[in-house]
């Protein structure tokens, strides 16, 4: 059974940086896409960034130029480097992984809280 474990969240001052990590275990096939979504209080889920197995990336408009997503396929791990954080980035950040083998399977982590103080 595939499980995702996030780490790296915490409290940081505005203008600071954090690096999130998400490691997948129990993977039986190659992971196609990995990424991050976030949900602030009383808000909908928002795409943060995704990365395909070949390294192609996509970012949400609000984080472009500040956040960088990367992955280590050998370790089934995805990273999110977050720079120039502001209070609007405060949210619960979820990692996800998508495996396509004739069917599409998606897996989610429990989330890691990021809080940015002004």
N, C-alpha and C. Protein backbone atom coordinates (compact mmCIF):
# COMPACT_ATOMS: atom_id res chain seq x y z
N UNK A 1 0.84 -1.18 0.00
CA UNK A 1 0.00 0.00 0.00
C UNK A 1 0.89 1.25 0.00
N UNK A 2 0.60 2.16 -0.90
CA UNK A 2 1.41 3.37 -1.01
C UNK A 2 1.07 4.34 0.11
N UNK A 3 2.08 4.84 0.76
CA UNK A 3 1.90 5.85 1.79
C UNK A 3 2.83 7.01 1.51
N UNK A 4 2.36 8.21 1.80
CA UNK A 4 3.14 9.43 1.62
C UNK A 4 3.35 10.09 2.97
N UNK A 5 4.59 10.46 3.24
CA UNK A 5 4.92 11.08 4.51
C UNK A 5 5.59 12.42 4.25
N UNK A 6 4.90 13.49 4.67
CA UNK A 6 5.44 14.83 4.50
C UNK A 6 6.25 15.26 5.72
N UNK A 7 7.19 16.15 5.49
CA UNK A 7 7.95 16.73 6.59
C UNK A 7 8.44 18.11 6.15
N UNK A 8 8.85 18.91 7.14
CA UNK A 8 9.46 20.19 6.83
C UNK A 8 8.60 21.41 7.09
N UNK A 9 7.34 21.21 7.46
CA UNK A 9 6.50 22.35 7.76
C UNK A 9 6.92 23.02 9.05
N UNK A 10 6.30 24.16 9.34
CA UNK A 10 6.61 24.85 10.57
C UNK A 10 6.22 26.31 10.51
N UNK A 11 6.75 27.06 11.46
CA UNK A 11 6.48 28.49 11.59
C UNK A 11 7.69 29.27 11.11
N UNK A 12 7.44 30.25 10.26
CA UNK A 12 8.52 31.07 9.72
C UNK A 12 8.03 32.50 9.58
N UNK A 13 8.94 33.43 9.66
CA UNK A 13 8.58 34.83 9.48
C UNK A 13 8.46 35.17 8.01
N UNK A 14 7.68 36.18 7.72
CA UNK A 14 7.52 36.64 6.34
C UNK A 14 8.89 36.96 5.74
N UNK A 15 9.07 36.52 4.50
CA UNK A 15 10.35 36.69 3.84
C UNK A 15 11.28 35.50 3.99
N UNK A 16 10.92 34.60 4.87
CA UNK A 16 11.76 33.44 5.13
C UNK A 16 11.53 32.31 4.15
N UNK A 17 12.19 31.18 4.43
CA UNK A 17 12.13 30.02 3.55
C UNK A 17 11.86 28.76 4.35
N UNK A 18 11.27 27.80 3.67
CA UNK A 18 11.08 26.46 4.20
C UNK A 18 11.25 25.47 3.07
N UNK A 19 11.62 24.25 3.42
CA UNK A 19 11.71 23.19 2.43
C UNK A 19 10.88 22.02 2.90
N UNK A 20 9.90 21.65 2.10
CA UNK A 20 9.06 20.50 2.40
C UNK A 20 9.59 19.27 1.65
N UNK A 21 9.42 18.13 2.29
CA UNK A 21 9.77 16.86 1.66
C UNK A 21 8.60 15.91 1.77
N UNK A 22 8.50 15.01 0.82
CA UNK A 22 7.45 14.00 0.85
C UNK A 22 8.02 12.71 0.28
N UNK A 23 8.04 11.69 1.10
CA UNK A 23 8.59 10.40 0.68
C UNK A 23 7.47 9.39 0.54
N UNK A 24 7.46 8.69 -0.58
CA UNK A 24 6.47 7.66 -0.84
C UNK A 24 7.06 6.29 -0.53
N UNK A 25 6.29 5.47 0.16
CA UNK A 25 6.72 4.10 0.46
C UNK A 25 5.66 3.12 -0.03
N UNK A 26 6.06 1.86 -0.17
CA UNK A 26 5.14 0.85 -0.64
C UNK A 26 4.78 0.99 -2.10
N UNK A 27 5.64 1.65 -2.87
CA UNK A 27 5.36 1.91 -4.28
C UNK A 27 5.65 0.67 -5.11
N UNK A 28 4.65 0.25 -5.89
CA UNK A 28 4.82 -0.95 -6.69
C UNK A 28 5.07 -0.66 -8.17
N UNK A 29 4.77 0.54 -8.60
CA UNK A 29 5.03 0.95 -9.97
C UNK A 29 5.69 2.33 -9.94
N UNK A 30 6.23 2.73 -11.07
CA UNK A 30 6.84 4.06 -11.15
C UNK A 30 5.77 5.13 -10.93
N UNK A 31 6.13 6.15 -10.18
CA UNK A 31 5.21 7.25 -9.93
C UNK A 31 5.27 8.21 -11.11
N UNK A 32 4.14 8.50 -11.69
CA UNK A 32 4.10 9.40 -12.83
C UNK A 32 4.26 10.85 -12.40
N UNK A 33 3.33 11.32 -11.61
CA UNK A 33 3.37 12.72 -11.18
C UNK A 33 3.38 12.79 -9.66
N UNK A 34 4.08 13.77 -9.16
CA UNK A 34 4.05 14.08 -7.73
C UNK A 34 3.84 15.58 -7.60
N UNK A 35 3.34 15.98 -6.46
CA UNK A 35 3.12 17.41 -6.33
C UNK A 35 2.61 17.81 -4.97
N UNK A 36 2.24 19.07 -4.90
CA UNK A 36 1.75 19.66 -3.66
C UNK A 36 0.51 20.50 -3.93
N UNK A 37 -0.44 20.34 -3.04
CA UNK A 37 -1.58 21.23 -2.99
C UNK A 37 -1.61 21.82 -1.60
N UNK A 38 -2.36 22.88 -1.41
CA UNK A 38 -2.49 23.46 -0.09
C UNK A 38 -3.93 23.91 0.14
N UNK A 39 -4.26 23.99 1.41
CA UNK A 39 -5.59 24.45 1.79
C UNK A 39 -5.47 25.35 3.00
N UNK A 40 -5.81 26.60 2.81
CA UNK A 40 -5.86 27.54 3.91
C UNK A 40 -7.21 27.42 4.60
N UNK A 41 -7.29 27.95 5.81
CA UNK A 41 -8.54 27.86 6.57
C UNK A 41 -9.69 28.49 5.78
N UNK A 42 -10.78 27.77 5.69
CA UNK A 42 -11.99 28.24 5.01
C UNK A 42 -11.78 28.51 3.52
N UNK A 43 -10.77 27.88 2.93
CA UNK A 43 -10.51 28.05 1.51
C UNK A 43 -10.54 26.70 0.81
N UNK A 44 -10.64 26.74 -0.52
CA UNK A 44 -10.59 25.51 -1.30
C UNK A 44 -9.14 25.08 -1.48
N UNK A 45 -8.97 23.84 -1.90
CA UNK A 45 -7.63 23.37 -2.23
C UNK A 45 -7.08 24.18 -3.40
N UNK A 46 -5.80 24.46 -3.32
CA UNK A 46 -5.13 25.24 -4.36
C UNK A 46 -3.89 24.49 -4.84
N UNK A 47 -3.73 24.40 -6.14
CA UNK A 47 -2.53 23.77 -6.68
C UNK A 47 -1.31 24.62 -6.34
N UNK A 48 -0.29 23.97 -5.81
CA UNK A 48 0.97 24.66 -5.56
C UNK A 48 1.95 24.36 -6.68
N UNK A 49 2.24 23.08 -6.87
CA UNK A 49 3.18 22.70 -7.92
C UNK A 49 3.08 21.20 -8.18
N UNK A 50 3.37 20.83 -9.40
CA UNK A 50 3.45 19.42 -9.78
C UNK A 50 4.71 19.18 -10.59
N UNK A 51 5.15 17.94 -10.57
CA UNK A 51 6.32 17.57 -11.35
C UNK A 51 6.12 16.16 -11.89
N UNK A 52 6.35 16.00 -13.19
CA UNK A 52 6.24 14.71 -13.83
C UNK A 52 7.54 13.94 -13.65
N UNK A 53 7.48 12.68 -14.00
CA UNK A 53 8.65 11.83 -13.83
C UNK A 53 9.84 12.34 -14.67
N UNK A 54 9.52 12.97 -15.82
CA UNK A 54 10.60 13.46 -16.68
C UNK A 54 11.10 14.84 -16.26
N UNK A 55 10.53 15.38 -15.18
CA UNK A 55 11.00 16.66 -14.67
C UNK A 55 10.17 17.87 -15.07
N UNK A 56 9.17 17.66 -15.92
CA UNK A 56 8.32 18.78 -16.32
C UNK A 56 7.55 19.29 -15.11
N UNK A 57 7.50 20.59 -14.96
CA UNK A 57 6.88 21.19 -13.78
C UNK A 57 5.73 22.14 -14.15
N UNK A 58 4.87 22.33 -13.17
CA UNK A 58 3.77 23.28 -13.30
C UNK A 58 3.57 23.92 -11.94
N UNK A 59 3.33 25.24 -11.94
CA UNK A 59 3.17 25.97 -10.70
C UNK A 59 1.86 26.75 -10.68
N UNK A 60 1.32 26.91 -9.48
CA UNK A 60 0.20 27.80 -9.31
C UNK A 60 0.67 29.24 -9.48
N UNK A 61 -0.21 30.09 -9.94
CA UNK A 61 0.18 31.48 -10.23
C UNK A 61 0.70 32.20 -9.01
N UNK A 62 0.17 31.89 -7.85
CA UNK A 62 0.54 32.64 -6.64
C UNK A 62 1.93 32.29 -6.12
N UNK A 63 2.53 31.21 -6.62
CA UNK A 63 3.84 30.80 -6.11
C UNK A 63 4.95 30.85 -7.17
N UNK A 64 4.58 31.16 -8.39
CA UNK A 64 5.59 31.21 -9.46
C UNK A 64 6.70 32.19 -9.10
N UNK A 65 7.92 31.75 -9.33
CA UNK A 65 9.07 32.59 -9.05
C UNK A 65 9.54 32.55 -7.62
N UNK A 66 8.75 31.95 -6.73
CA UNK A 66 9.13 31.87 -5.31
C UNK A 66 9.36 30.43 -4.86
N UNK A 67 8.58 29.51 -5.40
CA UNK A 67 8.66 28.11 -5.00
C UNK A 67 9.30 27.30 -6.11
N UNK A 68 10.02 26.25 -5.72
CA UNK A 68 10.63 25.34 -6.69
C UNK A 68 10.35 23.91 -6.27
N UNK A 69 9.80 23.14 -7.19
CA UNK A 69 9.53 21.73 -6.93
C UNK A 69 10.60 20.88 -7.61
N UNK A 70 10.98 19.81 -6.94
CA UNK A 70 11.96 18.88 -7.51
C UNK A 70 11.64 17.49 -6.99
N UNK A 71 12.25 16.48 -7.58
CA UNK A 71 11.99 15.12 -7.12
C UNK A 71 13.22 14.26 -7.34
N UNK A 72 13.27 13.21 -6.55
CA UNK A 72 14.31 12.20 -6.67
C UNK A 72 13.59 10.89 -6.96
N UNK A 73 13.61 10.47 -8.21
CA UNK A 73 12.86 9.28 -8.61
C UNK A 73 13.38 8.02 -7.91
N UNK A 74 14.65 7.96 -7.69
CA UNK A 74 15.23 6.77 -7.04
C UNK A 74 14.73 6.63 -5.60
N UNK A 75 14.43 7.75 -4.97
CA UNK A 75 13.96 7.75 -3.59
C UNK A 75 12.45 7.94 -3.48
N UNK A 76 11.78 8.06 -4.63
CA UNK A 76 10.32 8.32 -4.62
C UNK A 76 9.98 9.49 -3.69
N UNK A 77 10.74 10.53 -3.82
CA UNK A 77 10.60 11.69 -2.94
C UNK A 77 10.46 12.96 -3.76
N UNK A 78 9.57 13.82 -3.29
CA UNK A 78 9.38 15.12 -3.92
C UNK A 78 9.66 16.20 -2.89
N UNK A 79 10.22 17.31 -3.36
CA UNK A 79 10.60 18.41 -2.49
C UNK A 79 9.91 19.69 -2.96
N UNK A 80 9.73 20.60 -2.03
CA UNK A 80 9.20 21.91 -2.37
C UNK A 80 10.02 22.95 -1.61
N UNK A 81 10.83 23.69 -2.34
CA UNK A 81 11.59 24.78 -1.75
C UNK A 81 10.75 26.04 -1.84
N UNK A 82 10.46 26.62 -0.69
CA UNK A 82 9.60 27.79 -0.63
C UNK A 82 10.39 28.99 -0.13
N UNK A 83 10.53 29.98 -0.97
CA UNK A 83 11.25 31.20 -0.63
C UNK A 83 10.31 32.40 -0.62
N UNK A 84 10.78 33.48 -0.02
CA UNK A 84 9.99 34.72 0.03
C UNK A 84 8.57 34.45 0.51
N UNK A 85 8.46 33.70 1.58
CA UNK A 85 7.14 33.35 2.09
C UNK A 85 6.42 34.57 2.63
N UNK A 86 5.11 34.57 2.47
CA UNK A 86 4.29 35.64 3.02
C UNK A 86 3.10 35.02 3.75
N UNK A 87 2.41 35.81 4.57
CA UNK A 87 1.30 35.24 5.37
C UNK A 87 0.24 34.54 4.53
N UNK A 88 0.07 34.94 3.27
CA UNK A 88 -0.92 34.30 2.41
C UNK A 88 -0.52 32.86 2.04
N UNK A 89 0.70 32.49 2.32
CA UNK A 89 1.14 31.11 2.07
C UNK A 89 0.78 30.19 3.23
N UNK A 90 0.27 30.74 4.30
CA UNK A 90 -0.12 29.92 5.45
C UNK A 90 -1.23 28.96 5.05
N UNK A 91 -0.97 27.67 5.26
CA UNK A 91 -1.93 26.65 4.84
C UNK A 91 -1.43 25.28 5.28
N UNK A 92 -2.30 24.30 5.12
CA UNK A 92 -1.91 22.90 5.27
C UNK A 92 -1.48 22.41 3.89
N UNK A 93 -0.27 21.95 3.77
CA UNK A 93 0.28 21.53 2.50
C UNK A 93 0.22 20.01 2.39
N UNK A 94 -0.39 19.55 1.30
CA UNK A 94 -0.56 18.12 1.06
C UNK A 94 0.30 17.67 -0.11
N UNK A 95 0.93 16.55 0.09
CA UNK A 95 1.68 15.91 -0.98
C UNK A 95 0.77 14.89 -1.68
N UNK A 96 0.96 14.72 -2.96
CA UNK A 96 0.21 13.67 -3.65
C UNK A 96 1.10 12.98 -4.68
N UNK A 97 0.68 11.79 -5.05
CA UNK A 97 1.39 11.02 -6.07
C UNK A 97 0.36 10.35 -6.97
N UNK A 98 0.67 10.30 -8.24
CA UNK A 98 -0.22 9.68 -9.21
C UNK A 98 0.52 8.57 -9.93
N UNK A 99 -0.11 7.40 -9.95
CA UNK A 99 0.47 6.24 -10.63
C UNK A 99 -0.51 5.80 -11.70
N UNK A 100 -0.04 5.70 -12.93
CA UNK A 100 -0.90 5.31 -14.06
C UNK A 100 -0.44 3.96 -14.59
N UNK A 101 -1.32 2.96 -14.47
CA UNK A 101 -1.00 1.62 -14.96
C UNK A 101 -2.22 1.02 -15.64
N UNK A 102 -2.80 1.77 -16.58
CA UNK A 102 -4.05 1.32 -17.15
C UNK A 102 -5.21 1.89 -16.37
N UNK A 103 -5.01 2.10 -15.12
CA UNK A 103 -5.93 2.86 -14.28
C UNK A 103 -5.13 3.95 -13.58
N UNK A 104 -5.82 4.96 -13.12
CA UNK A 104 -5.16 6.07 -12.42
C UNK A 104 -5.36 5.92 -10.93
N UNK A 105 -4.27 5.87 -10.21
CA UNK A 105 -4.34 5.80 -8.75
C UNK A 105 -3.68 7.04 -8.17
N UNK A 106 -4.37 7.67 -7.26
CA UNK A 106 -3.84 8.86 -6.60
C UNK A 106 -3.75 8.61 -5.10
N UNK A 107 -2.68 9.12 -4.53
CA UNK A 107 -2.43 8.94 -3.11
C UNK A 107 -2.12 10.31 -2.49
N UNK A 108 -2.51 10.45 -1.25
CA UNK A 108 -2.34 11.72 -0.55
C UNK A 108 -1.67 11.53 0.80
N UNK A 109 -0.88 12.51 1.19
CA UNK A 109 -0.32 12.51 2.53
C UNK A 109 -1.29 13.14 3.51
N UNK A 110 -0.88 13.15 4.77
CA UNK A 110 -1.73 13.69 5.83
C UNK A 110 -1.67 15.21 5.90
N UNK A 111 -0.65 15.79 5.30
CA UNK A 111 -0.51 17.24 5.31
C UNK A 111 0.50 17.71 6.34
N UNK A 112 1.15 18.82 6.01
CA UNK A 112 2.07 19.44 6.96
C UNK A 112 1.75 20.93 6.99
N UNK A 113 1.68 21.47 8.18
CA UNK A 113 1.25 22.86 8.36
C UNK A 113 2.41 23.82 8.12
N UNK A 114 2.14 24.83 7.34
CA UNK A 114 3.08 25.93 7.14
C UNK A 114 2.40 27.20 7.61
N UNK A 115 3.03 27.89 8.54
CA UNK A 115 2.49 29.13 9.07
C UNK A 115 3.52 30.23 8.91
N UNK A 116 3.11 31.31 8.25
CA UNK A 116 4.01 32.43 8.01
C UNK A 116 3.50 33.63 8.79
N UNK A 117 4.32 34.13 9.69
CA UNK A 117 3.93 35.28 10.51
C UNK A 117 4.39 36.57 9.86
N UNK A 118 3.60 37.61 10.09
CA UNK A 118 3.93 38.91 9.49
C UNK A 118 4.85 39.71 10.38
